[in-house]
Amino acid sequence: MIQLTNVQKKFGQRLAVDDLSFAVERGEIFGLLGHNGAGKSTAIGMMLGQVWPTAGEVKICGYDVAVNRSAALQKVGAIFETPVFYDYLSGWRNLQILSTYTAPTSAARIQEVVEWVGLTGREHSKVRTYSHGMRSRLALAQALLPKPELLILDEPSDGLDPEGIHEMRQTILRLQRELRLTIFLSSHLLNEVEQLCTRIAILQRGKKVFEGTVAGVTSAQGRVALKTPDFARAASLLTERGLITATLEDRYITLAKEHSTADITQALVTAGIAVEGIWQHEQTVEDFYLSLVKPPPVINGN
């Protein structure tokens, strides 16, 4: 559904996206992560034909966006940057007007998308009376009007309260499950990405530093949390005996192959080092993301 190949974008001398390649398969929810200014919005802008790539190829639904934008975006719905509505008109009237920019839309279709996004009962209220969450739902309704096969969502939960974030997540999952949509989203809410996406890519300064499955990220094979009064001494002993291969943040150890937490506990207790707690650690997307993008510590002012 989406194919970026060696895509580059420069704004003057600034390189916003650097040799970016990834693919999104039909039916999956794919997340693009990165800090502010990492290149996420620029990448989405190129997918939607609003930003022209300096080099490389962007294909949507099999069509090159630069060559045939109308065909590429025919089956695409999108929320990009901050949606703008006519505040003095109703949500319904906004959808009627906005639909004319692409193709005439029947009242039945408008009612259908209103129900899908949970605006039933408020669709004839003026948009100026809408909460932030309701405006987000109206934006999603607009994206659904053309019966898309692909949804591209730029920060869909941005600015929402916890209840609104939960409702948006459930709506996205339901759209993917029941309408079989392919969904591409960018977000800085890493917990939401973990609950929504099947695969992710991470950008840093415009360059992809990771692409893979969320399941692969969270498995954290062999990582164990260890609580002991003297972690440094414990880690040194375990490393000398070949029971672990690495440590992290004075809290985690990575077991060597064929060794278990029972082996760790026995070795430490035998050496007179107290074990206050030891358990398998399940890495979060946030843990993994920070491990990739967090700058190395400064040592001796250098």
Protein backbone atom coordinates (compact mmCIF):
# COMPACT_ATOMS: atom_id res chain seq x y z
CA MET A 1 0.00 0.00 0.00
CA ILE A 2 2.93 2.34 0.73
CA GLN A 3 6.42 2.02 -0.72
CA LEU A 4 9.19 4.55 -0.10
CA THR A 5 12.49 3.85 -1.84
CA ASN A 6 15.67 5.86 -1.09
CA VAL A 7 13.64 9.01 -0.50
CA GLN A 8 15.43 12.24 0.27
CA LYS A 9 14.10 15.72 0.98
CA LYS A 10 16.14 18.89 1.32
CA PHE A 11 14.88 22.32 2.31
CA GLY A 12 17.71 24.53 1.10
CA GLN A 13 20.81 23.08 2.74
CA ARG A 14 18.85 21.27 5.47
CA LEU A 15 18.39 17.55 4.95
CA ALA A 16 14.95 16.76 6.41
CA VAL A 17 14.66 13.14 5.17
CA ASP A 18 17.74 11.10 4.33
CA ASP A 19 17.63 7.94 2.16
CA LEU A 20 14.35 6.69 3.66
CA SER A 21 12.96 3.32 2.57
CA PHE A 22 10.15 1.22 4.02
CA ALA A 23 6.99 -0.59 2.91
CA VAL A 24 3.53 -0.88 4.47
CA GLU A 25 1.54 -4.01 3.63
CA ARG A 26 -2.20 -4.21 3.09
CA GLY A 27 -4.23 -4.59 6.29
CA GLU A 28 -1.57 -3.67 8.84
CA ILE A 29 -1.29 -0.74 11.25
CA PHE A 30 2.17 0.77 10.77
CA GLY A 31 3.64 3.43 13.06
CA LEU A 32 6.27 6.05 12.25
CA LEU A 33 8.08 7.33 15.34
CA GLY A 34 10.58 10.09 15.95
CA HIS A 35 11.27 13.27 17.91
CA ASN A 36 9.95 16.64 16.78
CA GLY A 37 11.82 17.53 13.62
CA ALA A 38 12.83 13.93 12.88
CA GLY A 39 11.13 14.06 9.48
CA LYS A 40 7.79 12.33 10.17
CA SER A 41 5.55 15.10 8.83
CA THR A 42 7.84 15.66 5.84
CA ALA A 43 7.58 11.95 4.99
CA ILE A 44 3.78 12.07 5.23
CA GLY A 45 3.70 15.25 3.15
CA MET A 46 5.57 13.42 0.40
CA MET A 47 3.13 10.49 0.58
CA LEU A 48 0.23 12.90 0.09
CA GLY A 49 1.90 14.82 -2.72
CA GLN A 50 2.07 18.03 -0.70
CA VAL A 51 5.87 17.95 -0.45
CA TRP A 52 8.03 17.09 -3.47
CA PRO A 53 10.92 14.65 -2.81
CA THR A 54 14.40 15.79 -3.76
CA ALA A 55 15.30 12.22 -4.69
CA GLY A 56 13.83 8.72 -4.50
CA GLU A 57 10.40 7.27 -5.20
CA VAL A 58 7.12 7.39 -3.24
CA LYS A 59 4.42 4.93 -4.29
CA ILE A 60 0.91 4.80 -2.80
CA CYS A 61 -1.47 1.99 -3.79
CA GLY A 62 0.98 1.06 -6.55
CA TYR A 63 1.16 4.52 -8.15
CA ASP A 64 4.09 6.93 -8.10
CA VAL A 65 2.80 10.02 -6.30
CA ALA A 66 5.05 12.35 -8.31
CA VAL A 67 3.83 10.94 -11.63
CA ASN A 68 0.14 10.25 -10.98
CA ARG A 69 -0.96 11.88 -7.74
CA SER A 70 -4.72 11.59 -8.39
CA ALA A 71 -4.56 7.83 -8.98
CA ALA A 72 -2.20 7.30 -6.03
CA LEU A 73 -4.52 9.08 -3.58
CA GLN A 74 -7.86 7.92 -4.98
CA LYS A 75 -8.31 5.33 -2.20
CA VAL A 76 -6.56 7.31 0.55
CA GLY A 77 -8.06 9.19 3.49
CA ALA A 78 -5.83 11.38 5.65
CA ILE A 79 -5.56 13.58 8.70
CA PHE A 80 -2.48 15.72 8.14
CA GLU A 81 -1.36 18.53 10.45
CA THR A 82 -4.17 20.51 12.14
CA PRO A 83 -7.59 20.00 10.45
CA VAL A 84 -9.42 23.26 9.68
CA PHE A 85 -13.22 23.52 9.80
CA TYR A 86 -15.86 26.22 9.43
CA ASP A 87 -16.66 26.85 13.10
CA TYR A 88 -19.93 28.67 12.38
CA LEU A 89 -21.33 25.66 10.46
CA SER A 90 -22.45 22.28 11.75
CA GLY A 91 -20.28 19.19 11.59
CA TRP A 92 -22.67 17.77 8.99
CA ARG A 93 -22.44 20.87 6.77
CA ASN A 94 -18.65 20.82 7.07
CA LEU A 95 -18.58 17.23 5.82
CA GLN A 96 -20.88 18.15 2.93
CA ILE A 97 -18.63 21.03 1.86
CA LEU A 98 -15.35 19.18 2.34
CA SER A 99 -16.59 16.18 0.38
CA THR A 100 -17.09 18.37 -2.70
CA TYR A 101 -13.31 18.85 -2.89
CA THR A 102 -12.96 15.19 -3.94
CA ALA A 103 -16.33 13.81 -5.10
CA PRO A 104 -20.02 14.36 -4.30
CA THR A 105 -21.06 12.34 -1.25
CA SER A 106 -24.55 11.11 -0.41
CA ALA A 107 -26.33 11.93 2.84
CA ALA A 108 -26.38 8.20 3.58
CA ARG A 109 -22.58 8.03 3.38
CA ILE A 110 -22.18 11.07 5.62
CA GLN A 111 -24.51 9.50 8.18
CA GLU A 112 -22.52 6.27 7.98
CA VAL A 113 -19.20 7.91 8.78
CA VAL A 114 -20.78 10.02 11.53
CA GLU A 115 -21.87 6.79 13.19
CA TRP A 116 -18.48 5.17 12.65
CA VAL A 117 -16.63 7.93 14.50
CA GLY A 118 -19.20 8.34 17.28
CA LEU A 119 -20.60 11.80 16.48
CA THR A 120 -24.25 10.71 16.26
CA GLY A 121 -26.46 13.26 17.99
CA ARG A 122 -23.96 16.11 17.62
CA GLU A 123 -23.51 16.14 13.84
CA HIS A 124 -25.93 19.09 13.44
CA SER A 125 -24.31 21.18 16.20
CA LYS A 126 -22.01 24.04 15.22
CA VAL A 127 -18.36 23.04 15.21
CA ARG A 128 -17.47 25.91 17.54
CA THR A 129 -19.32 23.99 20.29
CA TYR A 130 -17.22 20.86 19.74
CA SER A 131 -14.58 19.71 22.21
CA HIS A 132 -11.08 18.92 20.96
CA GLY A 133 -11.98 15.23 20.94
CA MET A 134 -15.08 15.86 18.84
CA ARG A 135 -13.05 17.88 16.34
CA SER A 136 -10.65 14.92 16.07
CA ARG A 137 -13.62 12.65 15.36
CA LEU A 138 -14.90 15.07 12.73
CA ALA A 139 -11.46 15.03 11.07
CA LEU A 140 -11.54 11.24 11.05
CA ALA A 141 -15.05 11.32 9.56
CA GLN A 142 -13.77 13.57 6.76
CA ALA A 143 -10.92 11.12 6.08
CA LEU A 144 -13.43 8.25 5.82
CA LEU A 145 -15.83 9.96 3.39
CA PRO A 146 -14.24 8.68 0.14
CA LYS A 147 -14.38 5.02 1.32
CA PRO A 148 -10.59 4.72 1.56
CA GLU A 149 -8.56 1.54 1.65
CA LEU A 150 -5.63 3.38 3.28
CA LEU A 151 -5.78 5.87 6.16
CA ILE A 152 -2.78 8.14 6.81
CA LEU A 153 -3.02 9.75 10.25
CA ASP A 154 -0.56 12.38 11.49
CA GLU A 155 -0.66 12.44 15.32
CA PRO A 156 -4.34 11.34 15.54
CA SER A 157 -4.41 11.55 19.36
CA ASP A 158 -2.54 14.85 19.66
CA GLY A 159 -3.99 17.10 22.38
CA LEU A 160 -6.60 14.60 23.56
CA ASP A 161 -7.23 13.80 27.22
CA PRO A 162 -6.77 10.18 28.43
CA GLU A 163 -10.41 9.31 27.73
CA GLY A 164 -10.19 10.81 24.24
CA ILE A 165 -6.95 8.93 23.53
CA HIS A 166 -8.60 5.67 24.59
CA GLU A 167 -11.64 6.33 22.39
CA MET A 168 -9.49 7.23 19.37
CA ARG A 169 -7.44 4.05 19.84
CA GLN A 170 -10.57 1.89 19.97
CA THR A 171 -11.98 3.62 16.88
CA ILE A 172 -8.76 3.05 14.89
CA LEU A 173 -8.66 -0.62 15.88
CA ARG A 174 -12.31 -1.07 14.94
CA LEU A 175 -11.78 0.57 11.54
CA GLN A 176 -8.86 -1.72 10.82
CA ARG A 177 -10.67 -4.82 12.05
CA GLU A 178 -14.15 -4.29 10.60
CA LEU A 179 -13.41 -2.27 7.45
CA ARG A 180 -10.05 -4.00 6.85
CA LEU A 181 -8.32 -0.68 6.34
CA THR A 182 -4.57 -0.28 6.11
CA ILE A 183 -3.56 2.40 8.61
CA PHE A 184 -0.34 4.42 8.67
CA LEU A 185 0.14 6.75 11.63
CA SER A 186 2.78 8.95 13.15
CA SER A 187 2.72 9.55 16.87
CA HIS A 188 4.82 10.63 19.83
CA LEU A 189 2.58 8.64 22.23
CA LEU A 190 4.70 5.51 22.43
CA ASN A 191 2.29 3.58 24.65
CA GLU A 192 -0.45 4.12 22.05
CA VAL A 193 1.84 2.94 19.27
CA GLU A 194 2.59 -0.23 21.24
CA GLN A 195 -1.13 -0.98 21.61
CA LEU A 196 -2.07 -0.10 18.03
CA CYS A 197 0.69 -1.06 15.63
CA THR A 198 1.92 -4.33 14.21
CA ARG A 199 5.12 -2.81 12.81
CA ILE A 200 7.04 0.43 13.35
CA ALA A 201 9.85 2.49 11.87
CA ILE A 202 11.89 4.99 13.90
CA LEU A 203 13.42 8.15 12.45
CA GLN A 204 16.27 10.15 13.94
CA ARG A 205 17.37 13.37 12.22
CA GLY A 206 15.61 12.28 9.05
CA LYS A 207 17.23 8.86 8.84
CA LYS A 208 15.61 5.50 9.60
CA VAL A 209 17.33 3.82 12.55
CA PHE A 210 14.92 0.90 12.97
CA GLU A 211 12.14 -0.97 11.20
CA GLY A 212 10.49 -4.10 12.60
CA THR A 213 7.59 -5.65 14.48
CA VAL A 214 6.30 -4.40 17.81
CA ALA A 215 6.29 -8.02 19.03
CA GLY A 216 9.98 -8.28 18.24
CA VAL A 217 10.73 -5.06 20.11
CA THR A 218 8.85 -6.03 23.28
CA SER A 219 10.16 -9.60 23.52
CA ALA A 220 13.58 -8.44 24.82
CA GLN A 221 15.02 -11.94 24.74
CA GLY A 222 17.07 -12.79 27.82
CA ARG A 223 16.67 -9.45 29.64
CA VAL A 224 16.08 -9.75 33.38
CA ALA A 225 15.46 -7.13 36.06
CA LEU A 226 17.68 -7.64 39.09
CA LYS A 227 17.26 -5.89 42.43
CA THR A 228 20.22 -6.21 44.78
CA PRO A 229 21.96 -3.88 47.30
CA ASP A 230 25.21 -3.98 45.28
CA PHE A 231 24.37 -4.22 41.58
CA ALA A 232 27.91 -3.39 40.42
CA ARG A 233 29.44 -6.23 42.46
CA ALA A 234 26.71 -8.63 41.37
CA ALA A 235 27.15 -7.73 37.71
CA SER A 236 30.93 -8.14 37.93
CA LEU A 237 30.64 -11.60 39.47
CA LEU A 238 27.99 -12.78 37.00
CA THR A 239 30.04 -11.52 34.05
CA GLU A 240 33.20 -13.28 35.29
CA ARG A 241 31.29 -16.57 35.55
CA GLY A 242 29.80 -16.20 32.06
CA LEU A 243 26.22 -16.11 33.33
CA ILE A 244 25.38 -12.74 31.73
CA THR A 245 26.47 -10.90 28.59
CA ALA A 246 25.43 -7.31 29.35
CA THR A 247 23.98 -4.90 31.91
CA LEU A 248 21.79 -1.82 31.52
CA GLU A 249 21.04 1.14 33.80
CA ASP A 250 22.19 -0.70 36.95
CA ARG A 251 18.86 -2.56 36.86
CA TYR A 252 18.89 -5.06 34.03
CA ILE A 253 21.06 -7.99 33.04
CA THR A 254 21.06 -10.02 29.83
CA LEU A 255 21.35 -13.74 30.45
CA ALA A 256 23.91 -15.80 28.57
CA LYS A 257 22.44 -18.63 26.52
CA GLU A 258 21.25 -21.71 28.43
CA HIS A 259 21.24 -19.88 31.77
CA SER A 260 18.19 -19.05 33.88
CA THR A 261 17.19 -16.73 36.70
CA ALA A 262 17.64 -19.68 39.04
CA ASP A 263 21.33 -19.88 38.04
CA ILE A 264 21.70 -16.15 38.73
CA THR A 265 20.06 -16.39 42.15
CA GLN A 266 22.15 -19.39 43.19
CA ALA A 267 25.43 -17.76 42.12
CA LEU A 268 24.70 -14.51 43.96
CA VAL A 269 23.43 -16.09 47.18
CA THR A 270 26.42 -18.47 47.27
CA ALA A 271 28.71 -15.45 46.94
CA GLY A 272 26.94 -13.71 49.80
CA ILE A 273 25.16 -11.11 47.65
CA ALA A 274 21.52 -10.62 48.62
CA VAL A 275 18.86 -10.94 45.92
CA GLU A 276 15.88 -8.72 46.73
CA GLY A 277 14.09 -9.46 43.48
CA ILE A 278 14.65 -11.01 40.07
CA TRP A 279 12.15 -11.24 37.23
CA GLN A 280 11.92 -11.44 33.44
CA HIS A 281 11.76 -7.94 31.96
CA GLU A 282 9.35 -7.20 29.11
CA GLN A 283 10.74 -4.29 27.13
CA THR A 284 8.30 -1.57 26.10
CA VAL A 285 8.37 0.35 22.84
CA GLU A 286 9.35 3.39 24.94
CA ASP A 287 12.35 1.51 26.41
CA PHE A 288 13.49 0.50 22.95
CA TYR A 289 12.89 3.92 21.41
CA LEU A 290 14.88 5.71 24.09
CA SER A 291 17.72 3.20 23.79
CA LEU A 292 18.01 4.17 20.11
CA VAL A 293 17.62 7.94 20.25
CA LYS A 294 18.93 8.83 23.72
CA PRO A 295 22.33 10.56 23.42
CA PRO A 296 25.28 8.84 25.12
CA PRO A 297 26.20 10.13 28.59
CA VAL A 298 28.78 12.91 28.90
CA ILE A 299 31.96 11.73 30.64
CA ASN A 300 34.41 14.18 32.26
CA GLY A 301 32.78 17.12 30.46
CA ASN A 302 33.61 15.68 26.98
